[in-house]
Each structure stands twice: as C-alpha cells, then as structure tokens.
C-alpha atoms as a PDB file:
ATOM      1  CA  MET A   1     -12.947 -26.850 -25.006  1.00  0.00           C
ATOM      2  CA  PRO A   2     -15.525 -27.402 -22.246  1.00  0.00           C
ATOM      3  CA  GLU A   3     -14.635 -25.741 -18.968  1.00  0.00           C
ATOM      4  CA  ALA A   4     -13.424 -28.328 -16.301  1.00  0.00           C
ATOM      5  CA  PRO A   5     -15.916 -28.623 -13.412  1.00  0.00           C
ATOM      6  CA  PRO A   6     -14.648 -27.119  -9.993  1.00  0.00           C
ATOM      7  CA  PRO A   7     -13.313 -29.601  -7.435  1.00  0.00           C
ATOM      8  CA  GLU A   8     -16.497 -29.184  -5.249  1.00  0.00           C
ATOM      9  CA  ALA A   9     -18.842 -30.290  -8.061  1.00  0.00           C
ATOM     10  CA  SER A  10     -20.498 -33.551  -7.732  1.00  0.00           C
ATOM     11  CA  ALA A  11     -22.289 -35.668 -10.211  1.00  0.00           C
ATOM     12  CA  ASP A  12     -25.521 -34.010  -9.132  1.00  0.00           C
ATOM     13  CA  SER A  13     -24.557 -30.453  -9.280  1.00  0.00           C
ATOM     14  CA  ALA A  14     -24.495 -27.529 -11.688  1.00  0.00           C
ATOM     15  CA  TRP A  15     -22.110 -24.785 -11.978  1.00  0.00           C
ATOM     16  CA  VAL A  16     -21.043 -21.562 -13.693  1.00  0.00           C
ATOM     17  CA  SER A  17     -17.908 -19.493 -13.462  1.00  0.00           C
ATOM     18  CA  VAL A  18     -17.652 -15.681 -13.686  1.00  0.00           C
ATOM     19  CA  ALA A  19     -14.459 -13.903 -14.602  1.00  0.00           C
ATOM     20  CA  SER A  20     -13.854 -10.545 -12.915  1.00  0.00           C
ATOM     21  CA  ASP A  21     -10.936  -8.015 -12.908  1.00  0.00           C
ATOM     22  CA  LEU A  22     -11.336  -7.455  -9.248  1.00  0.00           C
ATOM     23  CA  ALA A  23      -8.532  -8.767  -7.096  1.00  0.00           C
ATOM     24  CA  PRO A  24      -9.454 -12.005  -5.079  1.00  0.00           C
ATOM     25  CA  ALA A  25      -9.417 -10.076  -1.807  1.00  0.00           C
ATOM     26  CA  ARG A  26     -11.881  -7.385  -3.127  1.00  0.00           C
ATOM     27  CA  LEU A  27     -14.232 -10.079  -4.526  1.00  0.00           C
ATOM     28  CA  LEU A  28     -14.079 -11.953  -1.221  1.00  0.00           C
ATOM     29  CA  GLU A  29     -15.185  -8.801   0.575  1.00  0.00           C
ATOM     30  CA  LEU A  30     -18.430  -8.810  -1.438  1.00  0.00           C
ATOM     31  CA  LEU A  31     -19.059 -12.497  -0.445  1.00  0.00           C
ATOM     32  CA  ARG A  32     -19.264 -11.460   3.200  1.00  0.00           C
ATOM     33  CA  ASP A  33     -22.892 -10.625   2.544  1.00  0.00           C
ATOM     34  CA  PRO A  34     -24.749 -13.505   0.853  1.00  0.00           C
ATOM     35  CA  GLU A  35     -27.990 -11.566   0.242  1.00  0.00           C
ATOM     36  CA  ARG A  36     -26.047  -9.098  -1.870  1.00  0.00           C
ATOM     37  CA  LEU A  37     -25.073 -11.603  -4.596  1.00  0.00           C
ATOM     38  CA  MET A  38     -28.327 -13.446  -4.480  1.00  0.00           C
ATOM     39  CA  ARG A  39     -30.255 -10.171  -5.158  1.00  0.00           C
ATOM     40  CA  VAL A  40     -28.163  -9.647  -8.306  1.00  0.00           C
ATOM     41  CA  ASN A  41     -29.960 -12.662  -9.825  1.00  0.00           C
ATOM     42  CA  SER A  42     -32.587 -11.238 -12.150  1.00  0.00           C
ATOM     43  CA  GLN A  43     -34.595 -14.485 -12.189  1.00  0.00           C
ATOM     44  CA  TRP A  44     -35.258 -14.220  -8.529  1.00  0.00           C
ATOM     45  CA  VAL A  45     -38.114 -11.863  -7.235  1.00  0.00           C
ATOM     46  CA  PHE A  46     -37.499 -11.502  -3.598  1.00  0.00           C
ATOM     47  CA  ALA A  47     -40.711 -11.592  -1.324  1.00  0.00           C
ATOM     48  CA  ALA A  48     -38.794 -11.665   1.900  1.00  0.00           C
ATOM     49  CA  TRP A  49     -35.277 -11.816   3.401  1.00  0.00           C
ATOM     50  CA  GLU A  50     -34.477 -12.206   7.051  1.00  0.00           C
ATOM     51  CA  SER A  51     -31.050 -12.369   8.569  1.00  0.00           C
ATOM     52  CA  LEU A  52     -31.015 -14.685  11.562  1.00  0.00           C
ATOM     53  CA  GLY A  53     -27.557 -13.761  12.597  1.00  0.00           C
ATOM     54  CA  PRO A  54     -24.077 -14.137  10.769  1.00  0.00           C
ATOM     55  CA  GLU A  55     -24.497 -17.831  10.185  1.00  0.00           C
ATOM     56  CA  ARG A  56     -28.211 -18.292   9.106  1.00  0.00           C
ATOM     57  CA  CYS A  57     -30.846 -16.513   6.982  1.00  0.00           C
ATOM     58  CA  ARG A  58     -34.384 -17.138   5.848  1.00  0.00           C
ATOM     59  CA  PHE A  59     -35.946 -16.034   2.506  1.00  0.00           C
ATOM     60  CA  ARG A  60     -38.928 -16.418   0.109  1.00  0.00           C
ATOM     61  CA  ILE A  61     -38.217 -16.134  -3.548  1.00  0.00           C
ATOM     62  CA  GLN A  62     -40.360 -16.294  -6.632  1.00  0.00           C
ATOM     63  CA  ASN A  63     -37.967 -18.150  -9.177  1.00  0.00           C
ATOM     64  CA  ARG A  64     -38.981 -17.023 -12.587  1.00  0.00           C
ATOM     65  CA  SER A  65     -36.656 -19.684 -14.214  1.00  0.00           C
ATOM     66  CA  ASN A  66     -38.939 -22.600 -13.032  1.00  0.00           C
ATOM     67  CA  GLY A  67     -42.145 -20.861 -11.892  1.00  0.00           C
ATOM     68  CA  GLN A  68     -41.563 -22.089  -8.343  1.00  0.00           C
ATOM     69  CA  LEU A  69     -41.943 -20.271  -4.988  1.00  0.00           C
ATOM     70  CA  TRP A  70     -38.752 -21.022  -3.095  1.00  0.00           C
ATOM     71  CA  GLU A  71     -38.983 -20.672   0.615  1.00  0.00           C
ATOM     72  CA  ALA A  72     -36.035 -21.812   2.733  1.00  0.00           C
ATOM     73  CA  GLU A  73     -33.850 -21.323   5.719  1.00  0.00           C
ATOM     74  CA  ALA A  74     -30.137 -21.571   5.018  1.00  0.00           C
ATOM     75  CA  GLY A  75     -26.892 -22.054   7.095  1.00  0.00           C
ATOM     76  CA  VAL A  76     -24.081 -19.699   6.017  1.00  0.00           C
ATOM     77  CA  VAL A  77     -20.728 -21.447   6.155  1.00  0.00           C
ATOM     78  CA  ARG A  78     -17.839 -18.986   5.796  1.00  0.00           C
ATOM     79  CA  LEU A  79     -14.825 -20.426   4.052  1.00  0.00           C
ATOM     80  CA  PRO A  80     -11.268 -18.990   3.286  1.00  0.00           C
ATOM     81  CA  ASP A  81     -12.058 -18.845  -0.404  1.00  0.00           C
ATOM     82  CA  GLY A  82     -15.784 -17.938  -0.193  1.00  0.00           C
ATOM     83  CA  LEU A  83     -18.946 -19.207   1.460  1.00  0.00           C
ATOM     84  CA  ARG A  84     -21.468 -21.941   1.168  1.00  0.00           C
ATOM     85  CA  LEU A  85     -25.233 -21.806   1.821  1.00  0.00           C
ATOM     86  CA  ASP A  86     -26.760 -24.998   3.094  1.00  0.00           C
ATOM     87  CA  TYR A  87     -30.529 -25.182   2.621  1.00  0.00           C
ATOM     88  CA  GLN A  88     -32.669 -26.980   5.129  1.00  0.00           C
ATOM     89  CA  THR A  89     -35.430 -27.740   2.862  1.00  0.00           C
ATOM     90  CA  GLY A  90     -36.038 -28.129  -0.924  1.00  0.00           C
ATOM     91  CA  VAL A  91     -34.497 -30.189  -3.657  1.00  0.00           C
ATOM     92  CA  LYS A  92     -31.307 -27.907  -3.756  1.00  0.00           C
ATOM     93  CA  ALA A  93     -28.831 -28.982  -0.949  1.00  0.00           C
ATOM     94  CA  SER A  94     -26.297 -26.121  -1.120  1.00  0.00           C
ATOM     95  CA  THR A  95     -24.715 -23.241  -3.179  1.00  0.00           C
ATOM     96  CA  TRP A  96     -21.033 -22.761  -3.102  1.00  0.00           C
ATOM     97  CA  LEU A  97     -19.542 -19.353  -3.993  1.00  0.00           C
ATOM     98  CA  ARG A  98     -15.829 -19.778  -4.288  1.00  0.00           C
ATOM     99  CA  VAL A  99     -13.203 -17.328  -5.374  1.00  0.00           C
ATOM    100  CA  GLU A 100      -9.853 -18.135  -7.090  1.00  0.00           C
ATOM    101  CA  ALA A 101      -7.181 -16.074  -8.452  1.00  0.00           C
ATOM    102  CA  ALA A 102      -7.112 -15.780 -12.234  1.00  0.00           C
ATOM    103  CA  ASP A 103      -5.050 -13.972 -14.840  1.00  0.00           C
ATOM    104  CA  GLY A 104      -5.994 -10.293 -14.710  1.00  0.00           C
ATOM    105  CA  GLY A 105      -8.008 -10.627 -11.537  1.00  0.00           C
ATOM    106  CA  SER A 106     -10.247 -13.480 -10.194  1.00  0.00           C
ATOM    107  CA  ARG A 107     -12.763 -15.981 -11.030  1.00  0.00           C
ATOM    108  CA  LEU A 108     -16.034 -16.722  -9.078  1.00  0.00           C
ATOM    109  CA  TRP A 109     -17.465 -20.207  -9.101  1.00  0.00           C
ATOM    110  CA  ILE A 110     -21.114 -20.781  -8.256  1.00  0.00           C
ATOM    111  CA  ILE A 111     -22.009 -24.374  -7.667  1.00  0.00           C
ATOM    112  CA  ASP A 112     -25.527 -25.618  -6.895  1.00  0.00           C
ATOM    113  CA  ASP A 113     -25.456 -29.098  -5.394  1.00  0.00           C
ATOM    114  CA  TYR A 114     -28.479 -31.407  -5.544  1.00  0.00           C
ATOM    115  CA  ALA A 115     -27.045 -34.635  -4.001  1.00  0.00           C
ATOM    116  CA  ARG A 116     -28.729 -34.491  -0.522  1.00  0.00           C
ATOM    117  CA  LEU A 117     -32.000 -36.254  -1.510  1.00  0.00           C
ATOM    118  CA  PRO A 118     -32.260 -39.820  -2.871  1.00  0.00           C
ATOM    119  CA  GLN A 119     -32.209 -40.145  -6.728  1.00  0.00           C
ATOM    120  CA  PRO A 120     -35.922 -41.209  -6.957  1.00  0.00           C
ATOM    121  CA  GLU A 121     -36.986 -38.233  -5.007  1.00  0.00           C
ATOM    122  CA  ARG A 122     -34.862 -35.736  -7.023  1.00  0.00           C
ATOM    123  CA  GLN A 123     -36.323 -37.243 -10.188  1.00  0.00           C
ATOM    124  CA  ALA A 124     -39.769 -36.825  -8.854  1.00  0.00           C
ATOM    125  CA  ARG A 125     -39.069 -33.252  -8.011  1.00  0.00           C
ATOM    126  CA  ILE A 126     -37.228 -32.276 -11.182  1.00  0.00           C
ATOM    127  CA  GLY A 127     -39.514 -29.248 -11.636  1.00  0.00           C
ATOM    128  CA  GLU A 128     -38.024 -27.652  -8.683  1.00  0.00           C
ATOM    129  CA  VAL A 129     -34.568 -27.513 -10.229  1.00  0.00           C
ATOM    130  CA  ASP A 130     -33.244 -23.990 -10.304  1.00  0.00           C
ATOM    131  CA  ARG A 131     -32.696 -23.008 -14.024  1.00  0.00           C
ATOM    132  CA  SER A 132     -31.507 -19.485 -13.197  1.00  0.00           C
ATOM    133  CA  LEU A 133     -27.774 -20.292 -12.807  1.00  0.00           C
ATOM    134  CA  PRO A 134     -26.591 -19.268 -16.345  1.00  0.00           C
ATOM    135  CA  ARG A 135     -28.546 -15.916 -16.068  1.00  0.00           C
ATOM    136  CA  TRP A 136     -27.169 -15.478 -12.565  1.00  0.00           C
ATOM    137  CA  GLY A 137     -23.650 -15.847 -13.796  1.00  0.00           C
ATOM    138  CA  GLN A 138     -24.329 -13.195 -16.638  1.00  0.00           C
ATOM    139  CA  ASP A 139     -25.891 -10.883 -14.058  1.00  0.00           C
ATOM    140  CA  LEU A 140     -22.822 -11.353 -11.723  1.00  0.00           C
ATOM    141  CA  TYR A 141     -20.400 -10.562 -14.637  1.00  0.00           C
ATOM    142  CA  ARG A 142     -22.123  -7.267 -15.335  1.00  0.00           C
ATOM    143  CA  HIS A 143     -22.447  -6.396 -11.677  1.00  0.00           C
ATOM    144  CA  LEU A 144     -18.793  -7.202 -10.842  1.00  0.00           C
ATOM    145  CA  ARG A 145     -17.650  -5.286 -13.981  1.00  0.00           C
ATOM    146  CA  ALA A 146     -19.568  -2.207 -12.968  1.00  0.00           C
ATOM    147  CA  TRP A 147     -18.404  -2.529  -9.349  1.00  0.00           C
ATOM    148  CA  SER A 148     -14.741  -2.635 -10.615  1.00  0.00           C
ATOM    149  CA  ARG A 149     -15.276   0.563 -12.564  1.00  0.00           C
ATOM    150  CA  TRP A 150     -17.544   2.678 -10.475  1.00  0.00           C
ATOM    151  CA  SER A 151     -17.397   1.529  -6.781  1.00  0.00           C
ATOM    152  CA  GLY A 152     -14.829   4.323  -6.066  1.00  0.00           C
ATOM    153  CA  VAL A 153     -17.701   6.954  -6.818  1.00  0.00           C
ATOM    154  CA  ALA A 154     -19.527   7.262  -3.550  1.00  0.00           C
ATOM    155  CA  PRO A 155     -22.973   8.361  -4.964  1.00  0.00           C
ATOM    156  CA  TRP A 156     -22.938   5.413  -7.370  1.00  0.00           C
ATOM    157  CA  ARG A 157     -21.953   2.950  -4.706  1.00  0.00           C
ATOM    158  CA  TRP A 158     -24.700   4.339  -2.382  1.00  0.00           C
ATOM    159  CA  TYR A 159     -27.333   3.946  -5.108  1.00  0.00           C
ATOM    160  CA  ILE A 160     -26.353   0.362  -5.845  1.00  0.00           C
ATOM    161  CA  GLU A 161     -26.194  -0.741  -2.246  1.00  0.00           C
ATOM    162  CA  ARG A 162     -29.039   1.136  -0.775  1.00  0.00           C
ATOM    163  CA  VAL A 163     -31.547   1.266  -3.701  1.00  0.00           C
ATOM    164  CA  TRP A 164     -30.693  -0.842  -6.771  1.00  0.00           C
ATOM    165  CA  LEU A 165     -30.203  -4.146  -4.949  1.00  0.00           C
ATOM    166  CA  ARG A 166     -33.502  -3.669  -3.146  1.00  0.00           C
ATOM    167  CA  MET A 167     -35.457  -3.197  -6.443  1.00  0.00           C
ATOM    168  CA  GLN A 168     -37.245  -6.074  -8.041  1.00  0.00           C
ATOM    169  CA  PRO A 169     -35.902  -7.137 -11.536  1.00  0.00           C
ATOM    170  CA  ARG A 170     -38.784  -5.280 -13.308  1.00  0.00           C
ATOM    171  CA  SER A 171     -38.178  -2.034 -11.543  1.00  0.00           C
ATOM    172  CA  ARG A 172     -34.595  -2.247 -12.373  1.00  0.00           C
ATOM    173  CA  ARG A 173     -35.456  -2.677 -16.076  1.00  0.00           C
ATOM    174  CA  LEU A 174     -37.858   0.359 -15.881  1.00  0.00           C
ATOM    175  CA  VAL A 175     -35.207   2.484 -14.282  1.00  0.00           C
ATOM    176  CA  LEU A 176     -32.768   1.576 -16.919  1.00  0.00           C
ATOM    177  CA  MET A 177     -35.148   2.245 -19.783  1.00  0.00           C
ATOM    178  CA  LEU A 178     -35.984   5.683 -18.139  1.00  0.00           C
ATOM    179  CA  VAL A 179     -32.192   6.487 -17.951  1.00  0.00           C
ATOM    180  CA  TRP A 180     -31.670   5.707 -21.691  1.00  0.00           C
ATOM    181  CA  ILE A 181     -34.780   7.652 -22.645  1.00  0.00           C
ATOM    182  CA  THR A 182     -33.487  10.698 -20.668  1.00  0.00           C
ATOM    183  CA  ALA A 183     -30.091  10.359 -22.110  1.00  0.00           C
ATOM    184  CA  ALA A 184     -31.519  10.236 -25.660  1.00  0.00           C
ATOM    185  CA  GLU A 185     -33.596  13.279 -24.964  1.00  0.00           C
ATOM    186  CA  LEU A 186     -30.609  15.203 -23.615  1.00  0.00           C
ATOM    187  CA  VAL A 187     -28.562  14.299 -26.695  1.00  0.00           C
ATOM    188  CA  LEU A 188     -31.487  15.442 -28.947  1.00  0.00           C
ATOM    189  CA  PHE A 189     -31.859  18.640 -26.973  1.00  0.00           C
ATOM    190  CA  GLY A 190     -28.037  19.234 -27.378  1.00  0.00           C
ATOM    191  CA  LEU A 191     -28.308  18.804 -31.144  1.00  0.00           C
ATOM    192  CA  LEU A 192     -31.217  21.219 -31.434  1.00  0.00           C
ATOM    193  CA  ILE A 193     -29.283  23.740 -29.478  1.00  0.00           C
ATOM    194  CA  ALA A 194     -26.178  23.286 -31.716  1.00  0.00           C
ATOM    195  CA  ILE A 195     -28.383  23.583 -34.819  1.00  0.00           C
ATOM    196  CA  LEU A 196     -29.906  26.881 -33.504  1.00  0.00           C
ATOM    197  CA  ILE A 197     -26.499  28.273 -32.678  1.00  0.00           C
ATOM    198  CA  ALA A 198     -25.158  27.333 -36.099  1.00  0.00           C
ATOM    199  CA  GLU A 199     -28.102  28.879 -37.845  1.00  0.00           C
ATOM    200  CA  SER A 200     -27.829  32.102 -35.809  1.00  0.00           C
ATOM    201  CA  ARG A 201     -24.225  32.452 -36.717  1.00  0.00           C
ATOM    202  CA  GLY A 202     -25.019  31.759 -40.331  1.00  0.00           C
END
C-alpha cells in the first residue's frame, strides 16, 4: 500500500519518510542544525555554507541529481516538531523536516514544496527540480542508524561531526574504500599468522 502523504504536502510537493529507532526528542536535537542533515545528502556537493544567524543561512551546492548549481539564501523556521527552510530564490519554495513518534522510535518526514511559483514558470524550469530526495532519504536512514548505535562513543562522534560531515561525497567513498581495504588486509594478515603458528606447532 502506498504511503499516505504528510499533512504538509501540497499538490506540488515531493516527500520521503525515514524510519529511525531514535526517540523523537533525540532526533529533534539533530534538527537544530540544518546544515548537518543537508550535508548527509550524497547528491549535494557543497561549495559554500554560511550561517547568517540562528534564523538564516546561505549556501552554494552542486546538485548531482539534476546537474544544477543551486545557490540560495534560506530562512530557518524552527517548529515544535522540526524545522522548515524557506528559500528566497529558485524553483523550490521550502523544505520541511518534521519528526513524529513511531513504533520503536520515530519517523522523519522530508517534504520539498514547489508551490510558490506560477505553474507555467514551474513547468518551464522543470530541469531545476531536485531529484535527490529518494537518495537523501536513504543517506539519512543510514546516518541515523549509525548515530543511534555509535553516538555514545566519543571518538566516533567527533569524527562524524568534525571530519566526515565536512567531506565531499567522493572523499567519503574513498575513505570507506580505504577502511574496507585495510580491514581485509588485517584479516589476511591474521590468517597468515594463524597458518604459520599452526605449521610451527605441527
């Protein structure tokens, strides 16, 4: 059965929901910093981010999902159940990030609204529509699952917040590849040591 749209969704919006085993209060804490969750999106290559205070930010992003350079200033509206980013320019009017309680944890809704511009202009600028929303949902699911498991480990939390989130998507993939290669080498080295020990005892 298709998932029912959230109440905030208009006829000119797209949305995705992300299940998390984090309690709603813990998930809301992560939403205090909109930059954090935006940087999780592996389709967005950040060229610049500037905080203009608690209620406004400016950014420049290369959106790999549509090949567009997205440069905008956004107002940050903080809500009891999340936040909303209102963009001053571009075809996208706003992005809602809303938390609700769910069985076993919480659910994060991400809603992109495109209803600000007249329909003919929206149609003419269809190439600017952000197609990264499904991937963003997948990225956030993995990020929130890892945060639930490992955020209590101070070195891991420091790495994610101070290093990983500042990396570009390509750098993250390279680091992950190096980690897997190193892990495989350690396993192979351990097997060789075990074989040498077994042969020496034999």
